[in-house]
Protein backbone atom coordinates (compact mmCIF):
# COMPACT_ATOMS: atom_id res chain seq x y z
CA MET A 1 248.21 15.03 -140.46
CA PRO A 2 245.62 13.70 -137.90
CA PHE A 3 245.32 16.72 -136.59
CA ALA A 4 243.20 18.84 -139.15
CA GLY A 5 241.74 21.71 -138.62
CA ALA A 6 244.26 22.71 -135.86
CA ARG A 7 246.76 24.92 -137.95
CA PRO A 8 247.46 28.04 -137.44
CA ALA A 9 246.92 30.20 -140.28
CA SER A 10 250.39 31.67 -140.65
CA PRO A 11 252.76 30.01 -138.47
CA ALA A 12 256.52 30.98 -138.15
CA ARG A 13 258.61 28.35 -138.76
CA GLU A 14 260.38 28.12 -135.40
CA GLY A 15 256.53 27.86 -134.23
CA ARG A 16 255.74 24.74 -136.85
CA GLN A 17 259.08 22.85 -135.89
CA ILE A 18 257.88 23.36 -132.33
CA LEU A 19 253.74 21.82 -133.32
CA HIS A 20 255.91 18.94 -134.80
CA ARG A 21 257.85 18.24 -132.02
CA TYR A 22 255.11 18.69 -129.87
CA ALA A 23 252.80 16.54 -131.90
CA ALA A 24 254.58 13.62 -132.38
CA TRP A 25 257.58 13.29 -129.62
CA HIS A 26 255.20 14.34 -126.68
CA LEU A 27 251.12 13.52 -127.78
CA ILE A 28 251.33 10.89 -130.19
CA ARG A 29 254.01 9.04 -128.21
CA ARG A 30 251.99 9.24 -125.27
CA ILE A 31 248.90 8.13 -126.49
CA ARG A 32 250.61 5.27 -128.05
CA ARG A 33 252.09 4.19 -124.98
CA ARG A 34 248.87 4.49 -123.02
CA SER A 35 246.77 2.61 -125.55
CA ARG A 36 248.88 -0.30 -125.32
CA GLY A 37 248.64 -1.16 -128.68
CA TYR A 38 243.94 -1.11 -128.30
CA ASP A 39 242.41 1.10 -130.41
CA ILE A 40 242.78 4.79 -129.39
CA THR A 41 239.00 6.20 -128.21
CA HIS A 42 237.24 9.37 -129.92
CA THR A 43 237.76 10.93 -126.44
CA GLN A 44 241.22 10.07 -126.24
CA LEU A 45 241.79 11.86 -129.59
CA ASN A 46 239.49 14.30 -128.89
CA VAL A 47 241.79 15.75 -125.60
CA VAL A 48 245.10 15.46 -128.41
CA ARG A 49 243.43 17.37 -130.39
CA ALA A 50 242.12 20.05 -128.25
CA HIS A 51 246.17 20.24 -126.35
CA LEU A 52 247.57 20.71 -130.10
CA ARG A 53 244.54 23.33 -130.84
CA ALA A 54 245.64 25.32 -127.45
CA ALA A 55 249.35 25.39 -128.66
CA VAL A 56 248.75 26.88 -132.15
CA TYR A 57 246.42 29.48 -129.90
CA LEU A 58 249.14 30.30 -127.91
CA LEU A 59 252.14 30.50 -130.44
CA ASP A 60 249.50 32.43 -132.79
CA TRP A 61 249.27 34.67 -130.09
CA LEU A 62 252.74 35.33 -129.47
CA THR A 63 253.52 35.41 -133.27
CA ASP A 64 250.92 38.50 -132.99
CA GLN A 65 252.80 40.12 -129.95
CA ASN A 66 255.73 40.10 -132.32
CA LEU A 67 257.10 36.86 -129.67
CA THR A 68 258.07 33.76 -129.91
CA LEU A 69 258.22 30.84 -126.89
CA ALA A 70 261.82 31.48 -125.91
CA SER A 71 261.29 35.33 -125.81
CA CYS A 72 258.06 35.12 -123.69
CA ARG A 73 258.10 36.14 -119.94
CA GLN A 74 255.70 35.36 -117.12
CA ASN A 75 254.23 38.82 -117.56
CA ASP A 76 253.44 37.84 -121.30
CA LEU A 77 251.89 34.82 -120.25
CA GLY A 78 249.78 35.83 -117.86
CA HIS A 79 249.01 38.68 -119.73
CA TRP A 80 247.28 36.07 -122.64
CA MET A 81 246.12 33.62 -120.02
CA THR A 82 243.81 36.74 -119.02
CA HIS A 83 242.71 38.27 -122.34
CA ASP A 84 239.18 37.50 -122.78
CA GLU A 85 239.37 35.78 -126.08
CA ILE A 86 241.61 32.82 -125.26
CA GLN A 87 239.90 29.32 -125.71
CA LEU A 88 241.56 26.16 -124.10
CA ARG A 89 244.13 27.92 -121.27
CA ARG A 90 243.90 24.89 -119.22
CA GLU A 91 244.97 22.97 -122.59
CA ALA A 92 247.37 25.23 -123.17
CA SER A 93 249.39 24.65 -119.51
CA HIS A 94 250.12 21.22 -120.85
CA PHE A 95 252.11 22.71 -123.93
CA VAL A 96 253.68 25.35 -122.03
CA ARG A 97 255.12 22.52 -119.30
CA TRP A 98 256.42 20.16 -122.05
CA ALA A 99 258.48 23.70 -123.39
CA LEU A 100 260.25 24.15 -120.08
CA PRO A 101 262.08 20.64 -120.05
CA HIS A 102 263.08 21.12 -123.68
CA LYS A 103 264.20 24.66 -123.21
CA ILE A 104 262.14 26.35 -125.56
CA ALA A 105 261.08 28.54 -122.74
CA ARG A 106 262.44 29.22 -119.79
CA ASP A 107 260.96 30.83 -116.26
CA LEU A 108 257.41 30.66 -117.27
CA SER A 109 255.04 28.79 -115.09
CA PHE A 110 251.35 27.27 -115.87
CA PRO A 111 249.31 26.75 -112.86
CA ALA A 112 248.40 23.16 -112.75
CA VAL A 113 244.74 21.75 -112.22
CA LYS A 114 244.91 18.17 -110.43
CA TRP A 115 241.57 16.34 -110.49
CA ASN A 116 242.14 14.46 -107.36
CA GLY A 117 238.67 12.19 -107.92
CA PRO A 118 235.45 12.08 -105.96
CA SER A 119 235.92 13.27 -102.49
CA GLN A 120 234.80 9.91 -100.79
CA ALA A 121 233.43 6.89 -102.02
CA MET A 122 229.69 6.11 -102.32
CA ASP A 123 227.83 4.06 -99.82
CA ASP A 124 225.76 1.54 -100.45
CA ASP A 125 222.79 3.02 -99.80
CA ALA A 126 223.75 6.32 -102.27
CA ARG A 127 224.53 3.70 -104.52
CA TRP A 128 221.40 1.58 -104.70
CA ALA A 129 219.47 4.60 -104.95
CA THR A 130 221.56 5.82 -107.74
CA ALA A 131 220.55 2.50 -109.54
CA ARG A 132 216.93 2.75 -108.89
CA ARG A 133 216.83 6.41 -110.48
CA LEU A 134 219.29 4.63 -113.51
CA LEU A 135 216.75 2.25 -113.78
CA HIS A 136 213.39 3.97 -113.65
CA ASP A 137 213.54 7.65 -114.61
CA ASP A 138 212.65 7.73 -117.99
CA THR A 139 213.98 11.63 -118.74
CA ILE A 140 217.24 10.09 -118.94
CA ARG A 141 218.17 8.69 -122.51
CA THR A 142 218.37 5.18 -122.58
CA GLU A 143 221.87 4.61 -123.50
CA ASN A 144 223.26 7.36 -120.76
CA ARG A 145 221.21 4.94 -117.82
CA LEU A 146 222.99 1.95 -119.57
CA ALA A 147 226.30 3.36 -119.33
CA GLY A 148 225.50 4.77 -116.08
CA LEU A 149 224.39 1.33 -114.68
CA LEU A 150 227.68 -0.44 -116.11
CA LEU A 151 229.57 2.13 -114.52
CA LEU A 152 228.42 2.42 -110.95
CA LEU A 153 227.70 -1.16 -110.99
CA TYR A 154 230.12 -3.24 -112.44
CA ALA A 155 232.53 -0.58 -112.29
CA GLN A 156 233.62 -0.45 -116.15
CA TRP A 157 235.46 2.52 -116.99
CA PRO A 158 233.43 4.89 -119.71
CA ALA A 159 236.16 3.86 -122.70
CA ALA A 160 235.30 0.45 -122.61
CA ILE A 161 231.58 1.16 -121.85
CA THR A 162 231.70 3.40 -125.19
CA SER A 163 232.99 0.76 -127.22
CA SER A 164 230.53 -1.97 -126.38
CA ARG A 165 227.62 -2.63 -128.53
CA SER A 166 224.44 -2.59 -127.74
CA SER A 167 223.80 -6.44 -129.16
CA SER A 168 225.78 -7.57 -126.70
CA THR A 169 223.33 -6.65 -124.21
CA THR A 170 220.11 -8.59 -123.68
CA ARG A 171 216.68 -8.09 -122.66
CA GLY A 172 215.52 -9.64 -119.42
CA THR A 173 213.37 -9.19 -116.78
CA THR A 174 213.71 -6.21 -114.45
CA HIS A 175 213.01 -5.90 -110.89
CA ASP A 176 211.79 -3.76 -108.96
CA SER A 177 214.42 -2.94 -107.19
CA PRO A 178 217.94 -3.85 -106.82
CA PRO A 179 219.19 -7.00 -104.17
């Protein structure tokens, strides 16, 4: 299984079955659909692993409390979410919300975190100031400067930038300021 290291120490049979359904029929199916036949990026794989690991943490905690996902109530989930040692809380929300329509859990709610993107578009002056900084600031690693410039000037998605090769770039003369 491509999610090595994400298995619980002593998973209950029911927990293993739920994890298998979640991984096979939700996580893997979703990432395949989103990749549309292209290679899956390292970041995409890490997100899937984190979501699966979060489900494992929650199911392990429920087992330690002599609970199952079906018997878990909102106050139990609240106790888990406020526990100091819990990892991947936000990622676990995906698992809980997946379990509800599949009738694996009931009467649970997990606050969703939605990112609405930047609050406003960057104006031309700010864009060029950032471009100048990326061109000339030697305190920023070269590969980060290049990725930032590609993203800023050519609106390239980070996944496209990370898959590009340094051999596909050419060195040329640089100008003191962008046009």
